[in-house]
Amino acid sequence: MMNQQMSGMAAPDEIQAEINNLSGEDKMAAKQALMEIRAIIEQMMAQGASEEEIMQMLAELGITIEQLEFAERLFSEEDNSLGISI
């Protein structure tokens, strides 16, 4: 199942190939952007934003909540349970 596309996202081996092509700077920039997006979401929630408003903001950035959560797992997985290494 790891090599099948799930939820419209690429298979892990395809993701790993793309990650391998990124420079260390690009990886750090991606992690920084992820942290900034998460901070914005937390701020929006603290200000009483609805789930719909948060989803709309993510859509404006061109990502889904599923993609955001997947990216968070990629950067936080210490045991490599996704089968992908950053």
PDB file of N, CA and C in Angstrom:
ATOM      1  N   MET A   1       0.814  -1.194   0.000  1.00  0.00           N
ATOM      2  CA  MET A   1       0.000   0.000   0.000  1.00  0.00           C
ATOM      3  C   MET A   1       0.857   1.257   0.000  1.00  0.00           C
ATOM      4  N   MET A   2       2.097   1.165   0.454  1.00  0.00           N
ATOM      5  CA  MET A   2       2.952   2.327   0.516  1.00  0.00           C
ATOM      6  C   MET A   2       3.270   2.872  -0.873  1.00  0.00           C
ATOM      7  N   ASN A   3       3.210   2.063  -1.929  1.00  0.00           N
ATOM      8  CA  ASN A   3       3.541   2.532  -3.258  1.00  0.00           C
ATOM      9  C   ASN A   3       2.326   2.972  -4.048  1.00  0.00           C
ATOM     10  N   GLN A   4       1.170   2.973  -3.447  1.00  0.00           N
ATOM     11  CA  GLN A   4      -0.045   3.411  -4.117  1.00  0.00           C
ATOM     12  C   GLN A   4      -0.306   4.864  -3.773  1.00  0.00           C
ATOM     13  N   GLN A   5      -0.926   5.574  -4.731  1.00  0.00           N
ATOM     14  CA  GLN A   5      -1.303   6.946  -4.437  1.00  0.00           C
ATOM     15  C   GLN A   5      -2.498   6.936  -3.505  1.00  0.00           C
ATOM     16  N   MET A   6      -2.436   7.818  -2.501  1.00  0.00           N
ATOM     17  CA  MET A   6      -3.514   7.899  -1.537  1.00  0.00           C
ATOM     18  C   MET A   6      -3.969   9.348  -1.438  1.00  0.00           C
ATOM     19  N   SER A   7      -5.258   9.560  -1.422  1.00  0.00           N
ATOM     20  CA  SER A   7      -5.847  10.880  -1.237  1.00  0.00           C
ATOM     21  C   SER A   7      -5.286  11.903  -2.214  1.00  0.00           C
ATOM     22  N   GLY A   8      -4.979  11.478  -3.434  1.00  0.00           N
ATOM     23  CA  GLY A   8      -4.501  12.413  -4.436  1.00  0.00           C
ATOM     24  C   GLY A   8      -3.057  12.838  -4.254  1.00  0.00           C
ATOM     25  N   MET A   9      -2.381  12.275  -3.284  1.00  0.00           N
ATOM     26  CA  MET A   9      -0.981  12.629  -3.067  1.00  0.00           C
ATOM     27  C   MET A   9      -0.101  11.543  -3.674  1.00  0.00           C
ATOM     28  N   ALA A  10       1.137  11.898  -3.971  1.00  0.00           N
ATOM     29  CA  ALA A  10       2.062  10.962  -4.589  1.00  0.00           C
ATOM     30  C   ALA A  10       2.422   9.827  -3.638  1.00  0.00           C
ATOM     31  N   ALA A  11       2.851   8.727  -4.217  1.00  0.00           N
ATOM     32  CA  ALA A  11       3.291   7.573  -3.436  1.00  0.00           C
ATOM     33  C   ALA A  11       4.589   7.924  -2.717  1.00  0.00           C
ATOM     34  N   PRO A  12       4.858   7.248  -1.588  1.00  0.00           N
ATOM     35  CA  PRO A  12       6.067   7.555  -0.805  1.00  0.00           C
ATOM     36  C   PRO A  12       7.364   7.517  -1.605  1.00  0.00           C
ATOM     37  N   ASP A  13       7.508   6.553  -2.536  1.00  0.00           N
ATOM     38  CA  ASP A  13       8.753   6.500  -3.303  1.00  0.00           C
ATOM     39  C   ASP A  13       8.902   7.708  -4.214  1.00  0.00           C
ATOM     40  N   GLU A  14       7.785   8.216  -4.726  1.00  0.00           N
ATOM     41  CA  GLU A  14       7.822   9.422  -5.551  1.00  0.00           C
ATOM     42  C   GLU A  14       8.153  10.646  -4.694  1.00  0.00           C
ATOM     43  N   ILE A  15       7.575  10.695  -3.505  1.00  0.00           N
ATOM     44  CA  ILE A  15       7.858  11.803  -2.586  1.00  0.00           C
ATOM     45  C   ILE A  15       9.329  11.776  -2.185  1.00  0.00           C
ATOM     46  N   GLN A  16       9.845  10.590  -1.870  1.00  0.00           N
ATOM     47  CA  GLN A  16      11.246  10.473  -1.475  1.00  0.00           C
ATOM     48  C   GLN A  16      12.161  10.935  -2.595  1.00  0.00           C
ATOM     49  N   ALA A  17      11.860  10.581  -3.829  1.00  0.00           N
ATOM     50  CA  ALA A  17      12.681  11.006  -4.965  1.00  0.00           C
ATOM     51  C   ALA A  17      12.713  12.525  -5.075  1.00  0.00           C
ATOM     52  N   GLU A  18      11.556  13.163  -4.866  1.00  0.00           N
ATOM     53  CA  GLU A  18      11.501  14.627  -4.912  1.00  0.00           C
ATOM     54  C   GLU A  18      12.289  15.238  -3.760  1.00  0.00           C
ATOM     55  N   ILE A  19      12.157  14.676  -2.577  1.00  0.00           N
ATOM     56  CA  ILE A  19      12.882  15.184  -1.406  1.00  0.00           C
ATOM     57  C   ILE A  19      14.385  15.074  -1.636  1.00  0.00           C
ATOM     58  N   ASN A  20      14.820  13.970  -2.225  1.00  0.00           N
ATOM     59  CA  ASN A  20      16.242  13.766  -2.483  1.00  0.00           C
ATOM     60  C   ASN A  20      16.810  14.812  -3.438  1.00  0.00           C
ATOM     61  N   ASN A  21      15.947  15.403  -4.267  1.00  0.00           N
ATOM     62  CA  ASN A  21      16.396  16.428  -5.215  1.00  0.00           C
ATOM     63  C   ASN A  21      16.470  17.818  -4.590  1.00  0.00           C
ATOM     64  N   LEU A  22      15.967  17.978  -3.372  1.00  0.00           N
ATOM     65  CA  LEU A  22      15.969  19.284  -2.716  1.00  0.00           C
ATOM     66  C   LEU A  22      17.290  19.540  -2.011  1.00  0.00           C
ATOM     67  N   SER A  23      17.687  20.802  -2.005  1.00  0.00           N
ATOM     68  CA  SER A  23      18.888  21.184  -1.257  1.00  0.00           C
ATOM     69  C   SER A  23      18.541  21.286   0.222  1.00  0.00           C
ATOM     70  N   GLY A  24      19.552  21.319   1.055  1.00  0.00           N
ATOM     71  CA  GLY A  24      19.343  21.512   2.490  1.00  0.00           C
ATOM     72  C   GLY A  24      18.632  22.818   2.771  1.00  0.00           C
ATOM     73  N   GLU A  25      18.964  23.856   2.003  1.00  0.00           N
ATOM     74  CA  GLU A  25      18.301  25.156   2.163  1.00  0.00           C
ATOM     75  C   GLU A  25      16.818  25.060   1.855  1.00  0.00           C
ATOM     76  N   ASP A  26      16.484  24.349   0.777  1.00  0.00           N
ATOM     77  CA  ASP A  26      15.070  24.190   0.404  1.00  0.00           C
ATOM     78  C   ASP A  26      14.304  23.441   1.484  1.00  0.00           C
ATOM     79  N   LYS A  27      14.938  22.425   2.055  1.00  0.00           N
ATOM     80  CA  LYS A  27      14.283  21.651   3.113  1.00  0.00           C
ATOM     81  C   LYS A  27      14.047  22.516   4.345  1.00  0.00           C
ATOM     82  N   MET A  28      15.028  23.331   4.693  1.00  0.00           N
ATOM     83  CA  MET A  28      14.874  24.221   5.852  1.00  0.00           C
ATOM     84  C   MET A  28      13.803  25.274   5.582  1.00  0.00           C
ATOM     85  N   ALA A  29      13.753  25.801   4.352  1.00  0.00           N
ATOM     86  CA  ALA A  29      12.732  26.786   3.992  1.00  0.00           C
ATOM     87  C   ALA A  29      11.342  26.169   4.073  1.00  0.00           C
ATOM     88  N   ALA A  30      11.219  24.933   3.638  1.00  0.00           N
ATOM     89  CA  ALA A  30       9.926  24.245   3.709  1.00  0.00           C
ATOM     90  C   ALA A  30       9.500  24.057   5.159  1.00  0.00           C
ATOM     91  N   LYS A  31      10.443  23.673   6.003  1.00  0.00           N
ATOM     92  CA  LYS A  31      10.125  23.478   7.422  1.00  0.00           C
ATOM     93  C   LYS A  31       9.724  24.807   8.062  1.00  0.00           C
ATOM     94  N   GLN A  32      10.417  25.883   7.705  1.00  0.00           N
ATOM     95  CA  GLN A  32      10.091  27.207   8.236  1.00  0.00           C
ATOM     96  C   GLN A  32       8.698  27.642   7.779  1.00  0.00           C
ATOM     97  N   ALA A  33       8.393  27.418   6.504  1.00  0.00           N
ATOM     98  CA  ALA A  33       7.067  27.770   5.985  1.00  0.00           C
ATOM     99  C   ALA A  33       5.985  26.979   6.704  1.00  0.00           C
ATOM    100  N   LEU A  34       6.250  25.713   6.950  1.00  0.00           N
ATOM    101  CA  LEU A  34       5.304  24.865   7.672  1.00  0.00           C
ATOM    102  C   LEU A  34       5.037  25.416   9.073  1.00  0.00           C
ATOM    103  N   MET A  35       6.093  25.814   9.759  1.00  0.00           N
ATOM    104  CA  MET A  35       5.933  26.366  11.102  1.00  0.00           C
ATOM    105  C   MET A  35       5.158  27.692  11.060  1.00  0.00           C
ATOM    106  N   GLU A  36       5.389  28.500  10.033  1.00  0.00           N
ATOM    107  CA  GLU A  36       4.663  29.767   9.899  1.00  0.00           C
ATOM    108  C   GLU A  36       3.181  29.529   9.638  1.00  0.00           C
ATOM    109  N   ILE A  37       2.878  28.567   8.776  1.00  0.00           N
ATOM    110  CA  ILE A  37       1.472  28.239   8.502  1.00  0.00           C
ATOM    111  C   ILE A  37       0.790  27.755   9.769  1.00  0.00           C
ATOM    112  N   ARG A  38       1.466  26.888  10.511  1.00  0.00           N
ATOM    113  CA  ARG A  38       0.889  26.371  11.762  1.00  0.00           C
ATOM    114  C   ARG A  38       0.655  27.509  12.744  1.00  0.00           C
ATOM    115  N   ALA A  39       1.588  28.475  12.841  1.00  0.00           N
ATOM    116  CA  ALA A  39       1.436  29.620  13.748  1.00  0.00           C
ATOM    117  C   ALA A  39       0.246  30.477  13.330  1.00  0.00           C
ATOM    118  N   ILE A  40       0.064  30.661  12.034  1.00  0.00           N
ATOM    119  CA  ILE A  40      -1.082  31.438  11.539  1.00  0.00           C
ATOM    120  C   ILE A  40      -2.383  30.740  11.906  1.00  0.00           C
ATOM    121  N   ILE A  41      -2.423  29.426  11.721  1.00  0.00           N
ATOM    122  CA  ILE A  41      -3.635  28.664  12.068  1.00  0.00           C
ATOM    123  C   ILE A  41      -3.932  28.789  13.558  1.00  0.00           C
ATOM    124  N   GLU A  42      -2.914  28.664  14.391  1.00  0.00           N
ATOM    125  CA  GLU A  42      -3.118  28.781  15.837  1.00  0.00           C
ATOM    126  C   GLU A  42      -3.617  30.172  16.202  1.00  0.00           C
ATOM    127  N   GLN A  43      -3.069  31.190  15.544  1.00  0.00           N
ATOM    128  CA  GLN A  43      -3.520  32.563  15.787  1.00  0.00           C
ATOM    129  C   GLN A  43      -4.974  32.738  15.349  1.00  0.00           C
ATOM    130  N   MET A  44      -5.304  32.195  14.183  1.00  0.00           N
ATOM    131  CA  MET A  44      -6.685  32.282  13.701  1.00  0.00           C
ATOM    132  C   MET A  44      -7.640  31.600  14.673  1.00  0.00           C
ATOM    133  N   MET A  45      -7.242  30.429  15.178  1.00  0.00           N
ATOM    134  CA  MET A  45      -8.092  29.703  16.117  1.00  0.00           C
ATOM    135  C   MET A  45      -8.269  30.505  17.401  1.00  0.00           C
ATOM    136  N   ALA A  46      -7.191  31.122  17.878  1.00  0.00           N
ATOM    137  CA  ALA A  46      -7.262  31.922  19.099  1.00  0.00           C
ATOM    138  C   ALA A  46      -8.183  33.123  18.919  1.00  0.00           C
ATOM    139  N   GLN A  47      -8.292  33.591  17.684  1.00  0.00           N
ATOM    140  CA  GLN A  47      -9.158  34.730  17.394  1.00  0.00           C
ATOM    141  C   GLN A  47     -10.580  34.302  17.052  1.00  0.00           C
ATOM    142  N   GLY A  48     -10.843  32.997  17.131  1.00  0.00           N
ATOM    143  CA  GLY A  48     -12.193  32.497  16.924  1.00  0.00           C
ATOM    144  C   GLY A  48     -12.544  32.148  15.494  1.00  0.00           C
ATOM    145  N   ALA A  49     -11.552  31.967  14.636  1.00  0.00           N
ATOM    146  CA  ALA A  49     -11.832  31.606  13.247  1.00  0.00           C
ATOM    147  C   ALA A  49     -12.502  30.237  13.185  1.00  0.00           C
ATOM    148  N   SER A  50     -13.391  30.100  12.235  1.00  0.00           N
ATOM    149  CA  SER A  50     -14.072  28.825  12.045  1.00  0.00           C
ATOM    150  C   SER A  50     -13.179  27.880  11.239  1.00  0.00           C
ATOM    151  N   GLU A  51     -13.539  26.610  11.266  1.00  0.00           N
ATOM    152  CA  GLU A  51     -12.799  25.622  10.479  1.00  0.00           C
ATOM    153  C   GLU A  51     -12.868  25.980   9.000  1.00  0.00           C
ATOM    154  N   GLU A  52     -14.015  26.466   8.580  1.00  0.00           N
ATOM    155  CA  GLU A  52     -14.195  26.871   7.181  1.00  0.00           C
ATOM    156  C   GLU A  52     -13.235  28.002   6.811  1.00  0.00           C
ATOM    157  N   GLU A  53     -13.053  28.963   7.699  1.00  0.00           N
ATOM    158  CA  GLU A  53     -12.135  30.075   7.431  1.00  0.00           C
ATOM    159  C   GLU A  53     -10.690  29.577   7.342  1.00  0.00           C
ATOM    160  N   ILE A  54     -10.351  28.638   8.185  1.00  0.00           N
ATOM    161  CA  ILE A  54      -8.995  28.069   8.156  1.00  0.00           C
ATOM    162  C   ILE A  54      -8.781  27.291   6.862  1.00  0.00           C
ATOM    163  N   MET A  55      -9.773  26.501   6.472  1.00  0.00           N
ATOM    164  CA  MET A  55      -9.678  25.745   5.225  1.00  0.00           C
ATOM    165  C   MET A  55      -9.555  26.688   4.031  1.00  0.00           C
ATOM    166  N   GLN A  56     -10.282  27.802   4.076  1.00  0.00           N
ATOM    167  CA  GLN A  56     -10.221  28.781   3.001  1.00  0.00           C
ATOM    168  C   GLN A  56      -8.820  29.394   2.908  1.00  0.00           C
ATOM    169  N   MET A  57      -8.223  29.710   4.050  1.00  0.00           N
ATOM    170  CA  MET A  57      -6.873  30.266   4.068  1.00  0.00           C
ATOM    171  C   MET A  57      -5.892  29.264   3.479  1.00  0.00           C
ATOM    172  N   LEU A  58      -6.024  27.987   3.858  1.00  0.00           N
ATOM    173  CA  LEU A  58      -5.141  26.958   3.309  1.00  0.00           C
ATOM    174  C   LEU A  58      -5.338  26.826   1.802  1.00  0.00           C
ATOM    175  N   ALA A  59      -6.584  26.888   1.356  1.00  0.00           N
ATOM    176  CA  ALA A  59      -6.870  26.796  -0.077  1.00  0.00           C
ATOM    177  C   ALA A  59      -6.208  27.957  -0.828  1.00  0.00           C
ATOM    178  N   GLU A  60      -6.206  29.132  -0.219  1.00  0.00           N
ATOM    179  CA  GLU A  60      -5.546  30.279  -0.840  1.00  0.00           C
ATOM    180  C   GLU A  60      -4.041  30.055  -0.958  1.00  0.00           C
ATOM    181  N   LEU A  61      -3.486  29.259  -0.053  1.00  0.00           N
ATOM    182  CA  LEU A  61      -2.067  28.915  -0.107  1.00  0.00           C
ATOM    183  C   LEU A  61      -1.809  27.748  -1.062  1.00  0.00           C
ATOM    184  N   GLY A  62      -2.885  27.105  -1.495  1.00  0.00           N
ATOM    185  CA  GLY A  62      -2.763  26.000  -2.438  1.00  0.00           C
ATOM    186  C   GLY A  62      -2.530  24.653  -1.798  1.00  0.00           C
ATOM    187  N   ILE A  63      -2.924  24.504  -0.527  1.00  0.00           N
ATOM    188  CA  ILE A  63      -2.767  23.217   0.154  1.00  0.00           C
ATOM    189  C   ILE A  63      -4.053  22.839   0.870  1.00  0.00           C
ATOM    190  N   THR A  64      -4.157  21.567   1.195  1.00  0.00           N
ATOM    191  CA  THR A  64      -5.294  21.081   1.963  1.00  0.00           C
ATOM    192  C   THR A  64      -4.827  20.804   3.385  1.00  0.00           C
ATOM    193  N   ILE A  65      -5.759  20.614   4.281  1.00  0.00           N
ATOM    194  CA  ILE A  65      -5.409  20.275   5.661  1.00  0.00           C
ATOM    195  C   ILE A  65      -4.697  18.919   5.697  1.00  0.00           C
ATOM    196  N   GLU A  66      -5.099  18.002   4.829  1.00  0.00           N
ATOM    197  CA  GLU A  66      -4.454  16.690   4.772  1.00  0.00           C
ATOM    198  C   GLU A  66      -2.989  16.827   4.361  1.00  0.00           C
ATOM    199  N   GLN A  67      -2.720  17.678   3.371  1.00  0.00           N
ATOM    200  CA  GLN A  67      -1.342  17.895   2.933  1.00  0.00           C
ATOM    201  C   GLN A  67      -0.519  18.562   4.036  1.00  0.00           C
ATOM    202  N   LEU A  68      -1.130  19.503   4.742  1.00  0.00           N
ATOM    203  CA  LEU A  68      -0.444  20.164   5.849  1.00  0.00           C
ATOM    204  C   LEU A  68      -0.098  19.148   6.938  1.00  0.00           C
ATOM    205  N   GLU A  69      -1.051  18.311   7.298  1.00  0.00           N
ATOM    206  CA  GLU A  69      -0.817  17.304   8.335  1.00  0.00           C
ATOM    207  C   GLU A  69       0.239  16.298   7.891  1.00  0.00           C
ATOM    208  N   PHE A  70       0.229  15.931   6.613  1.00  0.00           N
ATOM    209  CA  PHE A  70       1.230  15.004   6.093  1.00  0.00           C
ATOM    210  C   PHE A  70       2.624  15.638   6.179  1.00  0.00           C
ATOM    211  N   ALA A  71       2.730  16.898   5.798  1.00  0.00           N
ATOM    212  CA  ALA A  71       4.012  17.607   5.866  1.00  0.00           C
ATOM    213  C   ALA A  71       4.507  17.683   7.307  1.00  0.00           C
ATOM    214  N   GLU A  72       3.588  17.936   8.236  1.00  0.00           N
ATOM    215  CA  GLU A  72       3.974  17.976   9.644  1.00  0.00           C
ATOM    216  C   GLU A  72       4.525  16.629  10.091  1.00  0.00           C
ATOM    217  N   ARG A  73       3.902  15.549   9.637  1.00  0.00           N
ATOM    218  CA  ARG A  73       4.392  14.212   9.986  1.00  0.00           C
ATOM    219  C   ARG A  73       5.768  13.956   9.387  1.00  0.00           C
ATOM    220  N   LEU A  74       5.971  14.410   8.151  1.00  0.00           N
ATOM    221  CA  LEU A  74       7.271  14.224   7.512  1.00  0.00           C
ATOM    222  C   LEU A  74       8.386  14.866   8.325  1.00  0.00           C
ATOM    223  N   PHE A  75       8.127  16.065   8.798  1.00  0.00           N
ATOM    224  CA  PHE A  75       9.158  16.791   9.526  1.00  0.00           C
ATOM    225  C   PHE A  75       9.264  16.382  10.987  1.00  0.00           C
ATOM    226  N   SER A  76       8.259  15.693  11.511  1.00  0.00           N
ATOM    227  CA  SER A  76       8.303  15.353  12.928  1.00  0.00           C
ATOM    228  C   SER A  76       8.559  13.872  13.194  1.00  0.00           C
ATOM    229  N   GLU A  77       8.464  13.042  12.190  1.00  0.00           N
ATOM    230  CA  GLU A  77       8.644  11.603  12.385  1.00  0.00           C
ATOM    231  C   GLU A  77      10.083  11.286  12.736  1.00  0.00           C
ATOM    232  N   GLU A  78      10.287  10.743  13.909  1.00  0.00           N
ATOM    233  CA  GLU A  78      11.619  10.338  14.318  1.00  0.00           C
ATOM    234  C   GLU A  78      11.870   8.872  14.018  1.00  0.00           C
ATOM    235  N   ASP A  79      10.796   8.114  13.892  1.00  0.00           N
ATOM    236  CA  ASP A  79      10.961   6.677  13.668  1.00  0.00           C
ATOM    237  C   ASP A  79      10.754   6.289  12.212  1.00  0.00           C
ATOM    238  N   ASN A  80      10.589   7.272  11.328  1.00  0.00           N
ATOM    239  CA  ASN A  80      10.428   7.032   9.895  1.00  0.00           C
ATOM    240  C   ASN A  80       9.286   6.082   9.569  1.00  0.00           C
ATOM    241  N   SER A  81       8.207   6.132  10.324  1.00  0.00           N
ATOM    242  CA  SER A  81       7.091   5.221  10.064  1.00  0.00           C
ATOM    243  C   SER A  81       6.418   5.493   8.724  1.00  0.00           C
ATOM    244  N   LEU A  82       6.672   6.659   8.132  1.00  0.00           N
ATOM    245  CA  LEU A  82       6.124   6.944   6.801  1.00  0.00           C
ATOM    246  C   LEU A  82       6.963   6.322   5.703  1.00  0.00           C
ATOM    247  N   GLY A  83       8.161   5.885   6.057  1.00  0.00           N
ATOM    248  CA  GLY A  83       9.047   5.317   5.042  1.00  0.00           C
ATOM    249  C   GLY A  83       9.723   6.377   4.201  1.00  0.00           C
ATOM    250  N   ILE A  84       9.700   7.616   4.662  1.00  0.00           N
ATOM    251  CA  ILE A  84      10.289   8.744   3.924  1.00  0.00           C
ATOM    252  C   ILE A  84      11.214   9.481   4.878  1.00  0.00           C
ATOM    253  N   SER A  85      12.390   9.838   4.394  1.00  0.00           N
ATOM    254  CA  SER A  85      13.300  10.605   5.245  1.00  0.00           C
ATOM    255  C   SER A  85      13.580  11.965   4.633  1.00  0.00           C
ATOM    256  N   ILE A  86      13.666  12.953   5.488  1.00  0.00           N
ATOM    257  CA  ILE A  86      13.937  14.326   5.061  1.00  0.00           C
ATOM    258  C   ILE A  86      15.425  14.573   5.102  1.00  0.00           C
TER     259      ILE A  86
END
